[in-house]
Amino acid sequence: MTDFIDIAPLTVTETVRGNQVEVHGVELTDIAQIIFRFPEVAKLFDMKGKKAVDPQAFGALSKALQCALIVAGVPRINEASAANLTPGERMLLIARILLLTVPSPAGPFLEALARLTGKDGAAMIGEPGKA
């Protein structure tokens, strides 16, 4: 019998500047700390009147917030080191962190997160009408 751990990877390895980097999903406690530290991220989950979360919106997040996400999902890196990454390297790592953190389909996860942040409504990643 296949165990859930066998089908849902808990980490991925990415290559950044020729080095192997282990990437993890972000825990709920880390998400909560990031939301309280960076109120701008809660706005992404304000689903009133929205049908979807634009994945491109994550690229517009402040560099400090990007670094905080990377620190939460990449062991043995600090925010100063994360800030030295190129924008492309940061987005690569954040994309992997999000894939490991947010299950597919993302709607129920984002709805729960919206409730936790005091926002209401339905949420999907991608185009409106598509899960």
N, C-alpha and C. Protein backbone atom coordinates (compact mmCIF):
# COMPACT_ATOMS: atom_id res chain seq x y z
N MET A 1 0.84 -1.17 0.00
CA MET A 1 0.00 0.00 0.00
C MET A 1 0.89 1.25 0.00
N THR A 2 0.55 2.19 -0.86
CA THR A 2 1.31 3.43 -0.95
C THR A 2 0.94 4.34 0.19
N ASP A 3 1.94 4.86 0.86
CA ASP A 3 1.74 5.79 1.95
C ASP A 3 1.69 7.20 1.37
N PHE A 4 0.93 8.09 2.02
CA PHE A 4 0.82 9.47 1.56
C PHE A 4 2.19 10.11 1.40
N ILE A 5 3.10 9.82 2.29
CA ILE A 5 4.45 10.39 2.25
C ILE A 5 5.15 10.00 0.95
N ASP A 6 4.79 8.84 0.39
CA ASP A 6 5.39 8.39 -0.86
C ASP A 6 4.91 9.19 -2.06
N ILE A 7 3.70 9.75 -1.98
CA ILE A 7 3.15 10.44 -3.15
C ILE A 7 3.20 11.95 -3.02
N ALA A 8 3.42 12.46 -1.83
CA ALA A 8 3.46 13.92 -1.62
C ALA A 8 4.84 14.30 -1.13
N PRO A 9 5.71 14.77 -2.02
CA PRO A 9 7.05 15.13 -1.57
C PRO A 9 7.00 16.27 -0.57
N LEU A 10 7.80 16.15 0.46
CA LEU A 10 7.86 17.19 1.48
C LEU A 10 8.93 18.21 1.17
N THR A 11 9.85 17.86 0.28
CA THR A 11 10.91 18.78 -0.11
C THR A 11 11.20 18.60 -1.60
N VAL A 12 11.81 19.61 -2.16
CA VAL A 12 12.38 19.51 -3.51
C VAL A 12 13.78 20.09 -3.45
N THR A 13 14.59 19.75 -4.40
CA THR A 13 15.94 20.29 -4.48
C THR A 13 16.04 21.14 -5.74
N GLU A 14 16.50 22.35 -5.57
CA GLU A 14 16.72 23.27 -6.69
C GLU A 14 18.20 23.59 -6.76
N THR A 15 18.65 23.98 -7.93
CA THR A 15 20.03 24.41 -8.10
C THR A 15 20.05 25.93 -8.22
N VAL A 16 20.78 26.56 -7.31
CA VAL A 16 20.93 28.01 -7.32
C VAL A 16 22.42 28.31 -7.34
N ARG A 17 22.86 28.96 -8.42
CA ARG A 17 24.27 29.30 -8.60
C ARG A 17 25.18 28.08 -8.45
N GLY A 18 24.71 26.96 -8.99
CA GLY A 18 25.49 25.74 -8.98
C GLY A 18 25.43 24.96 -7.68
N ASN A 19 24.68 25.43 -6.72
CA ASN A 19 24.56 24.76 -5.43
C ASN A 19 23.18 24.13 -5.28
N GLN A 20 23.14 22.94 -4.68
CA GLN A 20 21.87 22.28 -4.41
C GLN A 20 21.24 22.90 -3.18
N VAL A 21 19.97 23.30 -3.31
CA VAL A 21 19.24 23.95 -2.22
C VAL A 21 18.00 23.13 -1.93
N GLU A 22 17.84 22.71 -0.68
CA GLU A 22 16.65 21.96 -0.28
C GLU A 22 15.55 22.96 0.08
N VAL A 23 14.37 22.76 -0.50
CA VAL A 23 13.25 23.67 -0.30
C VAL A 23 12.10 22.90 0.35
N HIS A 24 11.48 23.51 1.38
CA HIS A 24 10.37 22.92 2.11
C HIS A 24 9.12 23.78 1.93
N GLY A 25 7.97 23.19 2.24
CA GLY A 25 6.75 23.97 2.36
C GLY A 25 6.82 24.78 3.64
N VAL A 26 5.97 25.79 3.73
CA VAL A 26 5.94 26.67 4.89
C VAL A 26 4.84 26.21 5.84
N GLU A 27 5.17 26.16 7.12
CA GLU A 27 4.21 25.75 8.15
C GLU A 27 3.21 26.87 8.43
N LEU A 28 2.04 26.51 8.96
CA LEU A 28 1.02 27.51 9.27
C LEU A 28 1.51 28.56 10.25
N THR A 29 2.32 28.17 11.21
CA THR A 29 2.84 29.15 12.16
C THR A 29 3.73 30.17 11.45
N ASP A 30 4.50 29.71 10.48
CA ASP A 30 5.34 30.63 9.70
C ASP A 30 4.47 31.56 8.86
N ILE A 31 3.40 31.00 8.26
CA ILE A 31 2.48 31.81 7.46
C ILE A 31 1.86 32.90 8.34
N ALA A 32 1.42 32.52 9.53
CA ALA A 32 0.80 33.49 10.44
C ALA A 32 1.79 34.60 10.80
N GLN A 33 3.03 34.24 11.11
CA GLN A 33 4.04 35.24 11.46
C GLN A 33 4.30 36.19 10.29
N ILE A 34 4.34 35.63 9.09
CA ILE A 34 4.59 36.45 7.90
C ILE A 34 3.41 37.40 7.67
N ILE A 35 2.17 36.90 7.82
CA ILE A 35 0.99 37.75 7.63
C ILE A 35 0.97 38.89 8.63
N PHE A 36 1.30 38.59 9.90
CA PHE A 36 1.30 39.66 10.91
C PHE A 36 2.44 40.65 10.69
N ARG A 37 3.55 40.17 10.19
CA ARG A 37 4.70 41.04 9.95
C ARG A 37 4.50 41.89 8.70
N PHE A 38 3.85 41.30 7.69
CA PHE A 38 3.66 41.98 6.41
C PHE A 38 2.18 42.03 6.07
N PRO A 39 1.46 43.04 6.51
CA PRO A 39 0.02 43.13 6.25
C PRO A 39 -0.32 43.08 4.76
N GLU A 40 0.63 43.44 3.90
CA GLU A 40 0.39 43.43 2.46
C GLU A 40 0.01 42.04 1.95
N VAL A 41 0.51 40.99 2.61
CA VAL A 41 0.21 39.64 2.13
C VAL A 41 -1.24 39.28 2.43
N ALA A 42 -1.81 39.79 3.50
CA ALA A 42 -3.21 39.51 3.81
C ALA A 42 -4.11 40.07 2.72
N LYS A 43 -3.71 41.16 2.10
CA LYS A 43 -4.50 41.76 1.03
C LYS A 43 -4.63 40.82 -0.17
N LEU A 44 -3.63 39.97 -0.37
CA LEU A 44 -3.70 39.01 -1.47
C LEU A 44 -4.84 38.02 -1.28
N PHE A 45 -5.23 37.82 -0.02
CA PHE A 45 -6.26 36.83 0.28
C PHE A 45 -7.59 37.46 0.62
N ASP A 46 -7.77 38.74 0.31
CA ASP A 46 -9.04 39.40 0.49
C ASP A 46 -9.89 39.05 -0.73
N MET A 47 -10.73 38.05 -0.55
CA MET A 47 -11.42 37.47 -1.68
C MET A 47 -12.76 38.13 -2.00
N LYS A 48 -13.17 39.14 -1.24
CA LYS A 48 -14.44 39.80 -1.52
C LYS A 48 -14.40 40.39 -2.92
N GLY A 49 -15.31 39.93 -3.75
CA GLY A 49 -15.41 40.46 -5.10
C GLY A 49 -14.39 39.89 -6.07
N LYS A 50 -13.52 39.00 -5.60
CA LYS A 50 -12.50 38.42 -6.48
C LYS A 50 -12.87 36.98 -6.79
N LYS A 51 -12.52 36.55 -7.97
CA LYS A 51 -12.73 35.16 -8.37
C LYS A 51 -11.44 34.37 -8.32
N ALA A 52 -10.30 35.06 -8.36
CA ALA A 52 -9.02 34.35 -8.42
C ALA A 52 -7.92 35.19 -7.79
N VAL A 53 -6.87 34.51 -7.39
CA VAL A 53 -5.65 35.17 -6.94
C VAL A 53 -4.69 35.13 -8.11
N ASP A 54 -4.19 36.28 -8.50
CA ASP A 54 -3.27 36.36 -9.62
C ASP A 54 -1.88 35.90 -9.17
N PRO A 55 -1.37 34.78 -9.73
CA PRO A 55 -0.04 34.31 -9.32
C PRO A 55 1.04 35.36 -9.55
N GLN A 56 0.84 36.25 -10.52
CA GLN A 56 1.82 37.30 -10.78
C GLN A 56 1.90 38.29 -9.62
N ALA A 57 0.85 38.34 -8.80
CA ALA A 57 0.85 39.27 -7.67
C ALA A 57 1.97 38.94 -6.69
N PHE A 58 2.36 37.69 -6.62
CA PHE A 58 3.44 37.31 -5.71
C PHE A 58 4.76 37.94 -6.13
N GLY A 59 4.93 38.22 -7.42
CA GLY A 59 6.15 38.85 -7.89
C GLY A 59 6.24 40.32 -7.51
N ALA A 60 5.09 40.92 -7.17
CA ALA A 60 5.07 42.34 -6.81
C ALA A 60 5.27 42.54 -5.31
N LEU A 61 5.40 41.48 -4.56
CA LEU A 61 5.57 41.60 -3.12
C LEU A 61 6.93 42.22 -2.81
N SER A 62 7.01 42.88 -1.69
CA SER A 62 8.25 43.55 -1.32
C SER A 62 9.40 42.55 -1.21
N LYS A 63 10.58 43.04 -1.42
CA LYS A 63 11.77 42.19 -1.33
C LYS A 63 11.90 41.60 0.07
N ALA A 64 11.58 42.40 1.10
CA ALA A 64 11.64 41.90 2.48
C ALA A 64 10.68 40.73 2.69
N LEU A 65 9.49 40.83 2.13
CA LEU A 65 8.52 39.74 2.25
C LEU A 65 9.00 38.52 1.48
N GLN A 66 9.53 38.72 0.30
CA GLN A 66 10.08 37.59 -0.46
C GLN A 66 11.15 36.88 0.36
N CYS A 67 12.03 37.65 0.98
CA CYS A 67 13.10 37.05 1.78
C CYS A 67 12.55 36.30 2.98
N ALA A 68 11.51 36.82 3.62
CA ALA A 68 10.89 36.14 4.76
C ALA A 68 10.29 34.80 4.32
N LEU A 69 9.66 34.76 3.15
CA LEU A 69 9.12 33.50 2.62
C LEU A 69 10.23 32.50 2.36
N ILE A 70 11.31 32.97 1.79
CA ILE A 70 12.44 32.08 1.49
C ILE A 70 13.04 31.53 2.78
N VAL A 71 13.23 32.38 3.77
CA VAL A 71 13.78 31.92 5.06
C VAL A 71 12.87 30.86 5.68
N ALA A 72 11.55 31.03 5.53
CA ALA A 72 10.61 30.06 6.10
C ALA A 72 10.67 28.71 5.38
N GLY A 73 11.05 28.72 4.10
CA GLY A 73 11.01 27.48 3.32
C GLY A 73 12.36 26.88 2.96
N VAL A 74 13.44 27.59 3.24
CA VAL A 74 14.77 27.10 2.88
C VAL A 74 15.64 27.06 4.14
N PRO A 75 16.04 25.87 4.55
CA PRO A 75 16.89 25.78 5.75
C PRO A 75 18.25 26.46 5.54
N ARG A 76 18.82 26.92 6.62
CA ARG A 76 20.18 27.47 6.65
C ARG A 76 20.38 28.69 5.76
N ILE A 77 19.34 29.53 5.67
CA ILE A 77 19.51 30.81 4.98
C ILE A 77 18.88 31.87 5.87
N ASN A 78 19.49 33.05 5.87
CA ASN A 78 18.90 34.15 6.63
C ASN A 78 18.41 35.21 5.65
N GLU A 79 17.70 36.21 6.18
CA GLU A 79 17.11 37.21 5.29
C GLU A 79 18.15 38.02 4.54
N ALA A 80 19.28 38.28 5.16
CA ALA A 80 20.33 39.03 4.47
C ALA A 80 20.86 38.25 3.28
N SER A 81 21.06 36.95 3.46
CA SER A 81 21.53 36.11 2.35
C SER A 81 20.47 36.00 1.27
N ALA A 82 19.21 35.86 1.67
CA ALA A 82 18.12 35.78 0.70
C ALA A 82 18.03 37.07 -0.12
N ALA A 83 18.32 38.19 0.51
CA ALA A 83 18.27 39.47 -0.19
C ALA A 83 19.36 39.57 -1.25
N ASN A 84 20.43 38.78 -1.13
CA ASN A 84 21.50 38.78 -2.12
C ASN A 84 21.17 37.97 -3.36
N LEU A 85 20.07 37.21 -3.31
CA LEU A 85 19.66 36.44 -4.48
C LEU A 85 19.10 37.38 -5.54
N THR A 86 19.21 36.97 -6.79
CA THR A 86 18.62 37.75 -7.87
C THR A 86 17.10 37.63 -7.80
N PRO A 87 16.38 38.56 -8.41
CA PRO A 87 14.92 38.43 -8.43
C PRO A 87 14.46 37.08 -9.02
N GLY A 88 15.13 36.61 -10.04
CA GLY A 88 14.78 35.32 -10.63
C GLY A 88 15.00 34.16 -9.67
N GLU A 89 16.10 34.21 -8.95
CA GLU A 89 16.38 33.16 -7.96
C GLU A 89 15.36 33.18 -6.84
N ARG A 90 15.00 34.39 -6.39
CA ARG A 90 13.98 34.49 -5.34
C ARG A 90 12.65 33.93 -5.83
N MET A 91 12.25 34.28 -7.05
CA MET A 91 10.97 33.80 -7.57
C MET A 91 10.98 32.29 -7.77
N LEU A 92 12.10 31.72 -8.20
CA LEU A 92 12.22 30.27 -8.34
C LEU A 92 11.97 29.59 -6.99
N LEU A 93 12.64 30.07 -5.96
CA LEU A 93 12.49 29.46 -4.63
C LEU A 93 11.09 29.66 -4.08
N ILE A 94 10.53 30.86 -4.25
CA ILE A 94 9.18 31.12 -3.77
C ILE A 94 8.17 30.24 -4.50
N ALA A 95 8.34 30.07 -5.80
CA ALA A 95 7.43 29.21 -6.56
C ALA A 95 7.46 27.78 -6.01
N ARG A 96 8.64 27.28 -5.72
CA ARG A 96 8.76 25.92 -5.17
C ARG A 96 8.15 25.83 -3.78
N ILE A 97 8.39 26.86 -2.96
CA ILE A 97 7.82 26.89 -1.61
C ILE A 97 6.30 26.87 -1.69
N LEU A 98 5.73 27.67 -2.58
CA LEU A 98 4.27 27.71 -2.72
C LEU A 98 3.71 26.38 -3.19
N LEU A 99 4.41 25.72 -4.12
CA LEU A 99 3.94 24.41 -4.59
C LEU A 99 3.94 23.37 -3.48
N LEU A 100 4.90 23.46 -2.58
CA LEU A 100 4.96 22.52 -1.46
C LEU A 100 4.01 22.90 -0.33
N THR A 101 3.65 24.16 -0.24
CA THR A 101 2.81 24.64 0.86
C THR A 101 1.32 24.57 0.52
N VAL A 102 0.97 25.00 -0.67
CA VAL A 102 -0.43 25.09 -1.07
C VAL A 102 -0.82 23.86 -1.88
N PRO A 103 -1.75 23.05 -1.35
CA PRO A 103 -2.17 21.86 -2.08
C PRO A 103 -2.96 22.23 -3.33
N SER A 104 -3.15 21.26 -4.19
CA SER A 104 -3.92 21.48 -5.40
C SER A 104 -5.19 20.65 -5.32
N PRO A 105 -6.36 21.20 -5.56
CA PRO A 105 -6.60 22.59 -5.90
C PRO A 105 -6.41 23.48 -4.70
N ALA A 106 -6.05 24.72 -4.97
CA ALA A 106 -5.70 25.65 -3.91
C ALA A 106 -6.90 26.33 -3.27
N GLY A 107 -8.05 26.27 -3.91
CA GLY A 107 -9.24 26.97 -3.41
C GLY A 107 -9.53 26.77 -1.94
N PRO A 108 -9.68 25.52 -1.46
CA PRO A 108 -9.99 25.34 -0.04
C PRO A 108 -8.91 25.87 0.89
N PHE A 109 -7.65 25.72 0.50
CA PHE A 109 -6.55 26.24 1.32
C PHE A 109 -6.62 27.76 1.41
N LEU A 110 -6.83 28.42 0.26
CA LEU A 110 -6.87 29.88 0.24
C LEU A 110 -8.11 30.40 0.96
N GLU A 111 -9.23 29.68 0.86
CA GLU A 111 -10.42 30.09 1.60
C GLU A 111 -10.16 30.02 3.10
N ALA A 112 -9.53 28.93 3.55
CA ALA A 112 -9.21 28.80 4.98
C ALA A 112 -8.25 29.90 5.41
N LEU A 113 -7.25 30.20 4.57
CA LEU A 113 -6.31 31.26 4.89
C LEU A 113 -7.01 32.61 4.94
N ALA A 114 -7.93 32.84 4.01
CA ALA A 114 -8.69 34.09 4.01
C ALA A 114 -9.49 34.23 5.31
N ARG A 115 -10.07 33.12 5.78
CA ARG A 115 -10.81 33.17 7.05
C ARG A 115 -9.85 33.46 8.21
N LEU A 116 -8.68 32.86 8.19
CA LEU A 116 -7.70 33.09 9.25
C LEU A 116 -7.22 34.53 9.29
N THR A 117 -7.19 35.18 8.14
CA THR A 117 -6.72 36.56 8.08
C THR A 117 -7.87 37.56 8.24
N GLY A 118 -9.07 37.03 8.49
CA GLY A 118 -10.22 37.91 8.68
C GLY A 118 -10.88 38.34 7.39
N LYS A 119 -10.51 37.70 6.29
CA LYS A 119 -11.10 38.01 4.99
C LYS A 119 -12.07 36.88 4.65
N ASP A 120 -13.09 37.16 3.84
CA ASP A 120 -14.08 36.16 3.47
C ASP A 120 -14.13 35.98 1.97
N GLY A 121 -14.64 34.83 1.54
CA GLY A 121 -14.91 34.63 0.13
C GLY A 121 -14.25 33.40 -0.43
N ALA A 122 -14.48 33.19 -1.69
CA ALA A 122 -13.93 32.04 -2.39
C ALA A 122 -12.59 32.43 -3.01
N ALA A 123 -11.71 31.45 -3.17
CA ALA A 123 -10.39 31.74 -3.72
C ALA A 123 -9.93 30.60 -4.60
N MET A 124 -9.34 30.98 -5.71
CA MET A 124 -8.70 30.02 -6.61
C MET A 124 -7.44 30.66 -7.12
N ILE A 125 -6.48 29.84 -7.50
CA ILE A 125 -5.29 30.37 -8.17
C ILE A 125 -5.52 30.16 -9.65
N GLY A 126 -5.20 31.15 -10.45
CA GLY A 126 -5.31 31.01 -11.89
C GLY A 126 -6.41 31.89 -12.44
N GLU A 127 -6.92 31.48 -13.59
CA GLU A 127 -7.93 32.27 -14.27
C GLU A 127 -9.29 32.07 -13.61
N PRO A 128 -10.12 33.12 -13.62
CA PRO A 128 -11.46 32.97 -13.08
C PRO A 128 -12.20 31.83 -13.80
N GLY A 129 -12.92 31.04 -13.02
CA GLY A 129 -13.67 29.94 -13.59
C GLY A 129 -12.89 28.66 -13.75
N LYS A 130 -11.59 28.71 -13.46
CA LYS A 130 -10.76 27.51 -13.58
C LYS A 130 -10.14 27.21 -12.23
N ALA A 131 -10.12 25.94 -11.84
CA ALA A 131 -9.52 25.56 -10.56
C ALA A 131 -8.09 25.19 -10.75
